[in-house]
């Protein structure tokens, strides 16, 4: 299950095993593999709430039906809340983070003239991109990374380094982003790190 508002991706298989046969799993199972960000308030990162017309009290808003860890609408003696944190606040279910936007870049090794396309997240720093690029060039940390002949700050993102994301412009003008994606040039430093 994905939640863009929470910017995380959760694996609720373990939760399903702890609540086997529970009817409260139905809304979660129905939405397996889908985005459920509309279930959550982007500010509080909690389930959406509404004023119950019968009681006039604030209740969780669950249009697909109540699900695991959501309290019942009225007080009940058979509902236990000894489960600890609800699953949407428990990091044990998180399996990854979602990116706001991904983009393709070209990394060009000027020493060997090899070019590698790499899909990167807009939140990634160049150091994180470097770590993923090491599978293509294990000595990539010994290169100076440049864009338009300007040295790049490896602790900053592409956008912070002045490398704009032009995907939307490419889409609007029907240009092939593979041909015109931003490129980063790597210049070898003879730093003797590999002997």
Protein backbone atom coordinates (compact mmCIF):
# COMPACT_ATOMS: atom_id res chain seq x y z
CA UNK A 1 0.00 0.00 0.00
CA UNK A 2 1.31 3.43 -0.92
CA UNK A 3 0.58 6.77 0.62
CA UNK A 4 1.97 9.78 -1.21
CA UNK A 5 0.92 12.12 1.59
CA UNK A 6 2.96 10.09 4.04
CA UNK A 7 5.70 9.66 1.40
CA UNK A 8 6.16 6.04 2.42
CA UNK A 9 5.35 2.62 1.12
CA UNK A 10 4.05 0.05 3.61
CA UNK A 11 4.06 -3.74 3.51
CA UNK A 12 1.11 -4.92 5.58
CA UNK A 13 1.57 -8.67 5.07
CA UNK A 14 2.75 -9.05 8.69
CA UNK A 15 -0.35 -7.15 9.86
CA UNK A 16 -2.53 -9.52 7.86
CA UNK A 17 -0.98 -12.53 9.61
CA UNK A 18 -1.57 -11.03 13.06
CA UNK A 19 -5.24 -10.33 12.24
CA UNK A 20 -6.08 -13.40 10.13
CA UNK A 21 -9.79 -13.68 9.44
CA UNK A 22 -10.57 -10.27 10.92
CA UNK A 23 -13.28 -8.46 8.95
CA UNK A 24 -11.40 -5.20 9.62
CA UNK A 25 -8.77 -6.30 7.07
CA UNK A 26 -11.26 -6.05 4.21
CA UNK A 27 -10.66 -2.35 3.28
CA UNK A 28 -6.89 -2.90 3.42
CA UNK A 29 -7.01 -6.05 1.28
CA UNK A 30 -9.29 -4.34 -1.25
CA UNK A 31 -6.72 -1.56 -1.66
CA UNK A 32 -3.62 -3.76 -1.73
CA UNK A 33 -1.01 -2.29 -4.06
CA UNK A 34 -2.94 0.97 -4.50
CA UNK A 35 -2.39 4.53 -3.36
CA UNK A 36 -4.38 5.26 -0.19
CA UNK A 37 -3.09 8.78 0.47
CA UNK A 38 -6.69 10.05 0.33
CA UNK A 39 -7.32 8.18 3.62
CA UNK A 40 -4.91 10.49 5.48
CA UNK A 41 -4.68 14.14 6.49
CA UNK A 42 -1.50 15.58 4.91
CA UNK A 43 -0.85 17.86 7.91
CA UNK A 44 -1.37 15.45 10.81
CA UNK A 45 -0.42 12.27 8.90
CA UNK A 46 -3.33 10.63 10.69
CA UNK A 47 -6.56 9.24 9.25
CA UNK A 48 -9.02 11.88 8.07
CA UNK A 49 -11.67 12.89 10.57
CA UNK A 50 -15.21 14.26 10.38
CA UNK A 51 -17.98 15.30 12.75
CA UNK A 52 -20.33 12.38 13.32
CA UNK A 53 -23.86 13.66 12.60
CA UNK A 54 -25.39 11.38 15.28
CA UNK A 55 -23.07 12.10 18.18
CA UNK A 56 -21.59 15.45 17.16
CA UNK A 57 -18.14 14.07 18.04
CA UNK A 58 -14.99 13.98 15.93
CA UNK A 59 -14.57 10.50 14.43
CA UNK A 60 -12.23 8.89 11.94
CA UNK A 61 -13.55 9.14 8.39
CA UNK A 62 -13.43 5.67 6.81
CA UNK A 63 -15.79 5.57 3.81
CA UNK A 64 -14.66 2.05 2.82
CA UNK A 65 -15.45 0.84 6.34
CA UNK A 66 -13.51 0.68 9.56
CA UNK A 67 -10.14 -1.09 9.31
CA UNK A 68 -7.50 -2.53 11.63
CA UNK A 69 -6.42 -0.23 14.50
CA UNK A 70 -9.26 2.25 13.93
CA UNK A 71 -11.39 2.55 17.07
CA UNK A 72 -15.10 1.79 16.82
CA UNK A 73 -17.47 4.77 16.51
CA UNK A 74 -18.93 4.17 19.97
CA UNK A 75 -17.23 2.95 23.18
CA UNK A 76 -17.11 -0.84 23.37
CA UNK A 77 -15.78 -3.28 25.93
CA UNK A 78 -14.70 -5.88 23.36
CA UNK A 79 -12.26 -3.57 21.54
CA UNK A 80 -8.71 -3.61 22.85
CA UNK A 81 -6.17 -0.93 22.10
CA UNK A 82 -3.15 -2.83 23.39
CA UNK A 83 -1.62 -3.13 19.91
CA UNK A 84 0.76 -0.21 20.52
CA UNK A 85 1.10 2.20 17.63
CA UNK A 86 -1.43 1.97 14.79
CA UNK A 87 0.03 0.54 11.59
CA UNK A 88 0.05 3.90 9.76
CA UNK A 89 2.34 5.33 12.45
CA UNK A 90 4.48 2.21 12.97
CA UNK A 91 7.78 2.25 11.07
CA UNK A 92 8.07 -1.57 11.10
CA UNK A 93 5.63 -1.66 8.18
CA UNK A 94 7.55 0.88 6.09
CA UNK A 95 9.50 -0.71 3.27
CA UNK A 96 10.52 2.42 1.42
CA UNK A 97 9.94 6.04 0.68
CA UNK A 98 8.16 7.49 -2.30
CA UNK A 99 9.73 10.22 -4.35
CA UNK A 100 7.84 13.37 -5.21
CA UNK A 101 9.29 13.17 -8.74
CA UNK A 102 11.81 11.03 -10.57
CA UNK A 103 13.79 12.08 -13.60
CA UNK A 104 16.34 10.68 -16.02
CA UNK A 105 19.87 12.03 -16.26
CA UNK A 106 22.86 11.04 -18.37
CA UNK A 107 26.21 10.52 -16.69
CA UNK A 108 29.09 10.82 -19.16
CA UNK A 109 32.57 9.56 -18.30
CA UNK A 110 34.77 11.93 -20.30
CA UNK A 111 37.80 9.64 -19.91
CA UNK A 112 36.20 6.61 -21.58
CA UNK A 113 33.34 8.37 -23.44
CA UNK A 114 30.88 5.96 -21.82
CA UNK A 115 27.40 7.24 -21.15
CA UNK A 116 24.95 5.84 -18.64
CA UNK A 117 21.29 6.81 -18.19
CA UNK A 118 20.11 6.79 -14.60
CA UNK A 119 16.67 7.43 -13.12
CA UNK A 120 17.06 9.51 -9.96
CA UNK A 121 14.74 10.96 -7.34
CA UNK A 122 14.39 14.71 -7.02
CA UNK A 123 15.25 14.42 -3.30
CA UNK A 124 18.53 12.55 -3.87
CA UNK A 125 21.82 14.31 -3.34
CA UNK A 126 24.64 13.81 -5.81
CA UNK A 127 26.43 11.68 -3.19
CA UNK A 128 23.44 9.32 -3.16
CA UNK A 129 23.42 9.28 -6.97
CA UNK A 130 27.15 8.54 -6.88
CA UNK A 131 26.52 5.52 -4.62
CA UNK A 132 24.08 4.11 -7.18
CA UNK A 133 26.40 4.93 -10.08
CA UNK A 134 29.26 2.94 -8.50
CA UNK A 135 27.85 -0.25 -10.06
CA UNK A 136 28.78 1.18 -13.48
CA UNK A 137 32.12 2.72 -12.44
CA UNK A 138 33.59 1.54 -9.14
CA UNK A 139 36.10 4.40 -9.21
CA UNK A 140 33.46 7.14 -9.73
CA UNK A 141 34.34 8.88 -6.44
CA UNK A 142 37.71 9.77 -7.98
CA UNK A 143 36.03 11.92 -10.63
CA UNK A 144 35.02 15.56 -10.55
CA UNK A 145 31.32 15.86 -11.34
CA UNK A 146 30.39 18.84 -13.53
CA UNK A 147 27.39 20.24 -15.32
CA UNK A 148 27.92 22.96 -17.96
CA UNK A 149 31.59 23.11 -16.91
CA UNK A 150 30.67 23.99 -13.30
CA UNK A 151 31.78 21.78 -10.41
CA UNK A 152 28.82 20.25 -8.57
CA UNK A 153 28.32 20.23 -4.80
CA UNK A 154 27.94 16.53 -4.04
CA UNK A 155 25.97 17.20 -0.83
CA UNK A 156 23.20 18.99 -2.72
CA UNK A 157 20.39 17.85 -5.01
CA UNK A 158 20.38 18.34 -8.78
CA UNK A 159 17.92 21.25 -8.49
CA UNK A 160 20.05 22.90 -5.78
CA UNK A 161 23.06 22.57 -8.10
CA UNK A 162 21.24 24.48 -10.84
CA UNK A 163 20.26 21.43 -12.91
CA UNK A 164 16.54 21.99 -13.56
CA UNK A 165 14.04 19.23 -14.19
CA UNK A 166 12.82 19.87 -17.73
CA UNK A 167 10.57 16.80 -18.09
CA UNK A 168 7.38 18.87 -18.17
CA UNK A 169 8.81 21.15 -20.88
CA UNK A 170 9.81 18.09 -22.92
CA UNK A 171 6.31 16.67 -22.54
CA UNK A 172 4.59 19.95 -23.52
CA UNK A 173 6.78 20.41 -26.61
CA UNK A 174 6.73 16.68 -27.48
CA UNK A 175 10.51 16.42 -27.33
CA UNK A 176 12.18 13.10 -26.64
CA UNK A 177 13.53 13.37 -23.08
CA UNK A 178 16.00 10.55 -23.78
CA UNK A 179 17.75 12.71 -26.34
CA UNK A 180 17.66 15.94 -24.36
CA UNK A 181 17.92 14.88 -20.71
CA UNK A 182 20.38 16.76 -18.50
CA UNK A 183 23.90 15.40 -18.50
CA UNK A 184 26.58 15.30 -15.84
CA UNK A 185 30.16 14.99 -17.04
CA UNK A 186 32.73 13.11 -15.00
CA UNK A 187 36.35 14.27 -15.22
CA UNK A 188 38.98 11.88 -13.92
CA UNK A 189 41.21 13.07 -11.07
CA UNK A 190 44.54 11.28 -10.87
CA UNK A 191 44.27 10.91 -7.12
CA UNK A 192 45.98 7.51 -6.79
CA UNK A 193 43.13 6.11 -4.66
CA UNK A 194 43.23 2.80 -6.49
CA UNK A 195 46.57 1.06 -6.52
